[in-house]
Amino acid sequence: MTESDRVVRAMTEDGAFRVIAARATDTVREVVGRQRAGGDAATRLGELVTGAVLYRETMAPSRRVQAIVQGANGSGHLVADSHPDGWARGLYQPRDADAGVALGGDGALLQMMRTLPNGTLHVGTVPIADAGNLSNALMTYMDQSEQVRSMVSVALTFDDDGAVRSAGGYLLQLLPEAPDAPGALAVMAERVRDFTDIAPLLDRTDAAPGPLVEELLHRMPFEWLHESPLRFGCHCSRERVVASLRTLDPAELEAVFAEQDPVEMRCDYCATLYHVHRAEFG
């Protein structure tokens, strides 16, 4: 049976821990392909997309979430979108295509944004340390900006030709109702020491999230809570492209079509090309 991308949730029977695990292989494969990212860029972008999915499922399942990496020394940006409908997308924007986006160094930041139920935007930012380790940055963010003690690991593996073979990760959260919270966290931290780098497990299981949860909670009674699908997607459309052109004043619009008719506009995320003709504007 071929595995499909999805997110699963589980909770220990004593109410101490919740685990969210994701298989994101096909989604990440599509993201890095659309962005033409390879090597370290593909790894970082895939990790960020997986992390955004886990964060949304943990903190805002019914809300859109965006994760942004600001590269060190102004080297560029990585962006990941996770939508409550189950789709995710990513963006790779290096200042210098040859140098890439540097996650280790001065000014490297991770920013997480989510919409609150009242419509306001919650934004939190933490520095990326540990030579650009995004898993550790996500843990720091959950601890400092959300005040939620968590353990996080996201990873990708690649075939010999550089294609994404597997992508996935987990977020293990200490719940407020946990008895003896400091002791429980210490025990769990020791327990998941072998799962800091989950790449070997992703390869063995085709990144299936169920086996990952079972390994993490080995011999701990738990119950499955929920499962949701995950896929690559984008909310760009021809209607959005036309609407963006309509925001131009008449002189600017005429100048655009004087240079090119039809106008070609390509979505930065999914690379879909749209053609808009001057005649459509009357």
Protein backbone atom coordinates (compact mmCIF):
# COMPACT_ATOMS: atom_id res chain seq x y z
CA MET A 1 0.00 0.00 0.00
CA THR A 2 1.37 3.41 -0.99
CA GLU A 3 1.53 5.91 1.81
CA SER A 4 -0.19 9.26 1.40
CA ASP A 5 0.55 12.60 3.00
CA ARG A 6 -1.43 13.17 6.17
CA VAL A 7 -1.28 14.42 9.75
CA VAL A 8 -2.23 12.29 12.77
CA ARG A 9 -2.86 13.25 16.39
CA ALA A 10 -2.57 11.12 19.50
CA MET A 11 -2.65 11.72 23.26
CA THR A 12 -1.37 9.66 26.15
CA GLU A 13 -4.13 8.23 28.33
CA ASP A 14 -2.86 10.12 31.39
CA GLY A 15 -3.34 13.41 29.54
CA ALA A 16 0.31 14.37 29.84
CA PHE A 17 1.34 14.50 26.19
CA ARG A 18 -0.09 15.13 22.77
CA VAL A 19 1.73 14.16 19.59
CA ILE A 20 1.15 15.54 16.11
CA ALA A 21 3.02 13.69 13.37
CA ALA A 22 3.05 14.34 9.63
CA ARG A 23 4.03 12.60 6.43
CA ALA A 24 4.75 15.44 3.98
CA THR A 25 6.72 13.63 1.28
CA ASP A 26 4.54 14.33 -1.75
CA THR A 27 3.71 17.85 -0.60
CA VAL A 28 7.37 18.77 -0.05
CA ARG A 29 8.40 17.08 -3.28
CA GLU A 30 5.95 19.31 -5.15
CA VAL A 31 7.01 22.44 -3.26
CA VAL A 32 10.72 22.06 -3.97
CA GLY A 33 9.98 21.11 -7.57
CA ARG A 34 7.87 24.22 -8.17
CA GLN A 35 10.58 26.37 -6.55
CA ARG A 36 13.38 24.58 -8.40
CA ALA A 37 15.18 24.18 -5.10
CA GLY A 38 17.85 21.56 -4.61
CA GLY A 39 20.43 20.53 -2.04
CA ASP A 40 20.40 22.56 1.17
CA ALA A 41 17.69 24.88 -0.19
CA ALA A 42 15.35 21.92 -0.70
CA THR A 43 16.12 20.63 2.79
CA ARG A 44 15.44 23.96 4.49
CA LEU A 45 12.30 24.69 2.50
CA GLY A 46 10.92 21.19 3.08
CA GLU A 47 11.64 21.40 6.80
CA LEU A 48 9.92 24.78 7.03
CA VAL A 49 6.81 23.54 5.19
CA THR A 50 6.60 20.49 7.46
CA GLY A 51 7.12 22.66 10.54
CA ALA A 52 4.37 25.07 9.45
CA VAL A 53 1.95 22.16 9.06
CA LEU A 54 2.77 20.80 12.52
CA TYR A 55 2.47 24.26 14.07
CA ARG A 56 -0.92 24.91 12.49
CA GLU A 57 -2.24 21.51 13.57
CA THR A 58 -1.06 22.23 17.11
CA MET A 59 -1.99 25.87 17.63
CA ALA A 60 -4.55 26.81 14.96
CA PRO A 61 -6.11 23.82 13.13
CA SER A 62 -8.90 25.94 11.67
CA ARG A 63 -6.69 28.91 10.76
CA ARG A 64 -4.09 29.67 8.11
CA VAL A 65 -0.48 29.75 9.30
CA GLN A 66 2.59 31.25 7.67
CA ALA A 67 6.19 30.51 8.64
CA ILE A 68 8.96 32.79 7.41
CA VAL A 69 12.71 32.39 7.64
CA GLN A 70 14.78 35.52 7.29
CA GLY A 71 18.22 34.48 6.15
CA ALA A 72 21.39 35.62 7.87
CA ASN A 73 23.02 38.81 6.61
CA GLY A 74 20.10 39.61 4.31
CA SER A 75 20.64 36.45 2.25
CA GLY A 76 16.95 36.05 1.43
CA HIS A 77 13.76 34.43 2.67
CA LEU A 78 11.95 31.13 2.89
CA VAL A 79 8.16 31.10 3.28
CA ALA A 80 5.76 28.27 4.09
CA ASP A 81 1.96 28.47 4.06
CA SER A 82 -0.28 25.91 5.75
CA HIS A 83 -4.02 26.19 5.14
CA PRO A 84 -6.87 24.63 7.19
CA ASP A 85 -8.23 23.01 4.02
CA GLY A 86 -5.18 20.76 4.12
CA TRP A 87 -2.96 22.29 1.48
CA ALA A 88 0.51 23.72 1.93
CA ARG A 89 2.95 25.61 -0.27
CA GLY A 90 6.40 27.19 -0.04
CA LEU A 91 8.55 29.95 -1.46
CA TYR A 92 12.33 30.15 -1.89
CA GLN A 93 13.69 33.69 -2.38
CA PRO A 94 17.48 33.94 -2.14
CA ARG A 95 19.18 37.28 -2.67
CA ASP A 96 21.90 35.42 -4.58
CA ALA A 97 20.81 32.18 -6.25
CA ASP A 98 24.34 30.78 -6.06
CA ALA A 99 24.79 31.54 -2.34
CA GLY A 100 21.28 30.53 -1.21
CA VAL A 101 19.49 31.54 1.99
CA ALA A 102 21.81 31.21 4.99
CA LEU A 103 20.17 30.00 8.20
CA GLY A 104 23.32 30.08 10.30
CA GLY A 105 24.72 33.51 11.16
CA ASP A 106 23.78 37.01 12.24
CA GLY A 107 20.20 38.01 11.62
CA ALA A 108 18.79 34.55 10.87
CA LEU A 109 15.23 34.56 12.25
CA LEU A 110 12.17 32.32 12.32
CA GLN A 111 8.81 34.10 12.31
CA MET A 112 5.47 32.35 12.81
CA MET A 113 2.16 34.03 12.02
CA ARG A 114 -1.38 32.80 12.63
CA THR A 115 -4.79 34.39 12.60
CA LEU A 116 -6.59 34.49 15.94
CA PRO A 117 -10.35 33.82 16.25
CA ASN A 118 -10.99 37.57 16.64
CA GLY A 119 -9.29 38.22 13.29
CA THR A 120 -6.08 39.74 14.66
CA LEU A 121 -2.69 38.40 13.66
CA HIS A 122 -0.44 36.70 16.20
CA VAL A 123 3.23 37.07 15.23
CA GLY A 124 6.22 35.66 17.05
CA THR A 125 9.91 35.76 16.12
CA VAL A 126 12.94 33.88 17.45
CA PRO A 127 16.57 33.76 16.32
CA ILE A 128 17.77 30.66 14.49
CA ALA A 129 20.78 29.28 16.32
CA ASP A 130 22.60 25.91 16.27
CA ALA A 131 24.01 26.40 12.78
CA GLY A 132 20.58 26.87 11.30
CA ASN A 133 18.79 23.93 12.92
CA LEU A 134 15.10 24.53 12.15
CA SER A 135 13.84 21.82 14.50
CA ASN A 136 15.52 23.56 17.43
CA ALA A 137 14.26 26.95 16.25
CA LEU A 138 10.70 25.60 16.20
CA MET A 139 11.12 24.27 19.74
CA THR A 140 12.47 27.62 20.89
CA TYR A 141 9.55 29.38 19.28
CA MET A 142 6.96 27.11 20.94
CA ASP A 143 8.61 27.60 24.32
CA GLN A 144 9.21 31.35 24.17
CA SER A 145 6.39 32.72 22.02
CA GLU A 146 3.59 30.25 22.77
CA GLN A 147 4.70 29.16 26.28
CA VAL A 148 4.13 25.54 25.26
CA ARG A 149 6.84 23.04 26.19
CA SER A 150 7.40 20.96 23.08
CA MET A 151 9.86 18.68 21.35
CA VAL A 152 10.05 18.98 17.58
CA SER A 153 11.88 17.23 14.79
CA VAL A 154 11.43 17.72 11.04
CA ALA A 155 13.55 16.09 8.35
CA LEU A 156 13.97 15.18 4.69
CA THR A 157 15.88 12.41 2.97
CA PHE A 158 16.95 12.29 -0.67
CA ASP A 159 17.62 9.75 -3.39
CA ASP A 160 21.03 9.62 -5.03
CA ASP A 161 19.79 11.88 -7.82
CA GLY A 162 18.72 14.57 -5.33
CA ALA A 163 14.99 13.86 -5.47
CA VAL A 164 13.04 13.99 -2.20
CA ARG A 165 12.59 10.44 -0.92
CA SER A 166 10.82 11.20 2.35
CA ALA A 167 9.72 14.19 4.41
CA GLY A 168 7.98 14.37 7.76
CA GLY A 169 8.20 15.21 11.40
CA TYR A 170 6.55 15.36 14.78
CA LEU A 171 5.66 17.82 17.50
CA LEU A 172 5.31 16.39 21.00
CA GLN A 173 3.57 18.76 23.41
CA LEU A 174 3.43 18.73 27.20
CA LEU A 175 -0.20 19.43 28.11
CA PRO A 176 -1.18 21.83 30.91
CA GLU A 177 -2.98 19.02 32.76
CA ALA A 178 0.15 16.88 32.95
CA PRO A 179 0.79 15.48 36.45
CA ASP A 180 4.28 16.32 37.71
CA ALA A 181 4.98 18.35 34.57
CA PRO A 182 8.73 18.90 35.15
CA GLY A 183 9.31 15.21 35.86
CA ALA A 184 7.15 14.08 32.95
CA LEU A 185 8.99 16.35 30.57
CA ALA A 186 12.37 15.14 31.77
CA VAL A 187 11.34 11.52 31.24
CA MET A 188 9.98 12.25 27.78
CA ALA A 189 13.07 14.24 26.81
CA GLU A 190 15.19 11.21 27.62
CA ARG A 191 12.75 8.95 25.81
CA VAL A 192 12.90 10.88 22.54
CA ARG A 193 16.65 11.40 22.58
CA ASP A 194 16.91 8.81 19.82
CA PHE A 195 14.38 10.73 17.74
CA THR A 196 16.22 14.04 17.52
CA ASP A 197 17.18 13.07 13.98
CA ILE A 198 14.24 11.17 12.55
CA ALA A 199 15.57 10.84 8.99
CA PRO A 200 16.47 7.12 9.37
CA LEU A 201 12.98 6.36 10.71
CA LEU A 202 11.35 8.29 7.86
CA ASP A 203 13.19 6.14 5.36
CA ARG A 204 12.30 2.89 7.11
CA THR A 205 8.59 3.68 7.27
CA ASP A 206 8.05 5.79 4.14
CA ALA A 207 7.51 8.65 6.62
CA ALA A 208 4.22 7.11 7.78
CA PRO A 209 3.08 9.16 10.80
CA GLY A 210 1.45 6.25 12.64
CA PRO A 211 4.67 4.27 13.22
CA LEU A 212 6.42 7.50 14.25
CA VAL A 213 3.85 8.11 16.99
CA GLU A 214 4.07 4.48 18.12
CA GLU A 215 7.84 4.70 18.37
CA LEU A 216 7.70 7.97 20.32
CA LEU A 217 5.11 6.68 22.79
CA HIS A 218 6.50 3.15 23.03
CA ARG A 219 4.85 1.29 25.94
CA MET A 220 2.89 4.38 26.93
CA PRO A 221 -0.90 3.90 26.70
CA PHE A 222 -2.34 6.39 24.22
CA GLU A 223 -5.33 6.98 22.00
CA TRP A 224 -5.61 8.15 18.42
CA LEU A 225 -7.48 11.43 18.16
CA HIS A 226 -7.70 12.59 14.58
CA GLU A 227 -6.27 12.22 11.09
CA SER A 228 -6.36 14.80 8.31
CA PRO A 229 -5.06 14.82 4.72
CA LEU A 230 -2.18 16.94 3.51
CA ARG A 231 -1.34 18.03 -0.04
CA PHE A 232 0.40 20.66 -2.09
CA GLY A 233 -1.89 23.53 -3.07
CA CYS A 234 -2.10 27.22 -3.88
CA HIS A 235 -4.92 29.75 -3.74
CA CYS A 236 -3.75 31.78 -6.71
CA SER A 237 -6.27 32.21 -9.55
CA ARG A 238 -6.82 34.14 -12.72
CA GLU A 239 -9.44 36.20 -10.89
CA ARG A 240 -6.84 37.26 -8.30
CA VAL A 241 -4.40 38.24 -11.04
CA VAL A 242 -7.00 40.37 -12.82
CA ALA A 243 -8.03 41.94 -9.50
CA SER A 244 -4.42 42.90 -8.78
CA LEU A 245 -4.15 44.63 -12.16
CA ARG A 246 -7.38 46.51 -11.49
CA THR A 247 -5.73 48.16 -8.48
CA LEU A 248 -3.47 50.11 -10.86
CA ASP A 249 -4.53 53.60 -11.87
CA PRO A 250 -5.56 53.93 -15.56
CA ALA A 251 -2.25 55.45 -16.68
CA GLU A 252 -0.23 52.67 -15.05
CA LEU A 253 -2.51 50.03 -16.54
CA GLU A 254 -2.14 51.50 -20.02
CA ALA A 255 1.64 51.51 -19.62
CA VAL A 256 1.63 47.85 -18.63
CA PHE A 257 -0.39 46.80 -21.69
CA ALA A 258 1.58 49.08 -23.98
CA GLU A 259 4.64 47.05 -23.07
CA GLN A 260 2.97 43.64 -23.25
CA ASP A 261 -0.46 42.43 -24.37
CA PRO A 262 -1.41 39.94 -23.13
CA VAL A 263 0.34 40.48 -19.84
CA GLU A 264 2.03 37.35 -18.51
CA MET A 265 2.03 36.89 -14.75
CA ARG A 266 3.40 33.84 -12.98
CA CYS A 267 2.53 32.79 -9.43
CA ASP A 268 5.64 32.86 -7.24
CA TYR A 269 4.45 29.83 -5.26
CA CYS A 270 3.11 27.33 -7.80
CA ALA A 271 4.61 28.75 -11.02
CA THR A 272 1.23 28.79 -12.80
CA LEU A 273 1.36 31.21 -15.74
CA TYR A 274 -1.61 33.52 -16.38
CA HIS A 275 -2.34 35.58 -19.52
CA VAL A 276 -4.46 38.73 -19.22
CA HIS A 277 -5.58 40.73 -22.29
CA ARG A 278 -6.14 44.49 -22.46
CA ALA A 279 -9.63 43.92 -23.92
CA GLU A 280 -10.77 42.47 -20.61
CA PHE A 281 -10.59 45.93 -19.02
CA GLY A 282 -13.04 47.64 -21.38
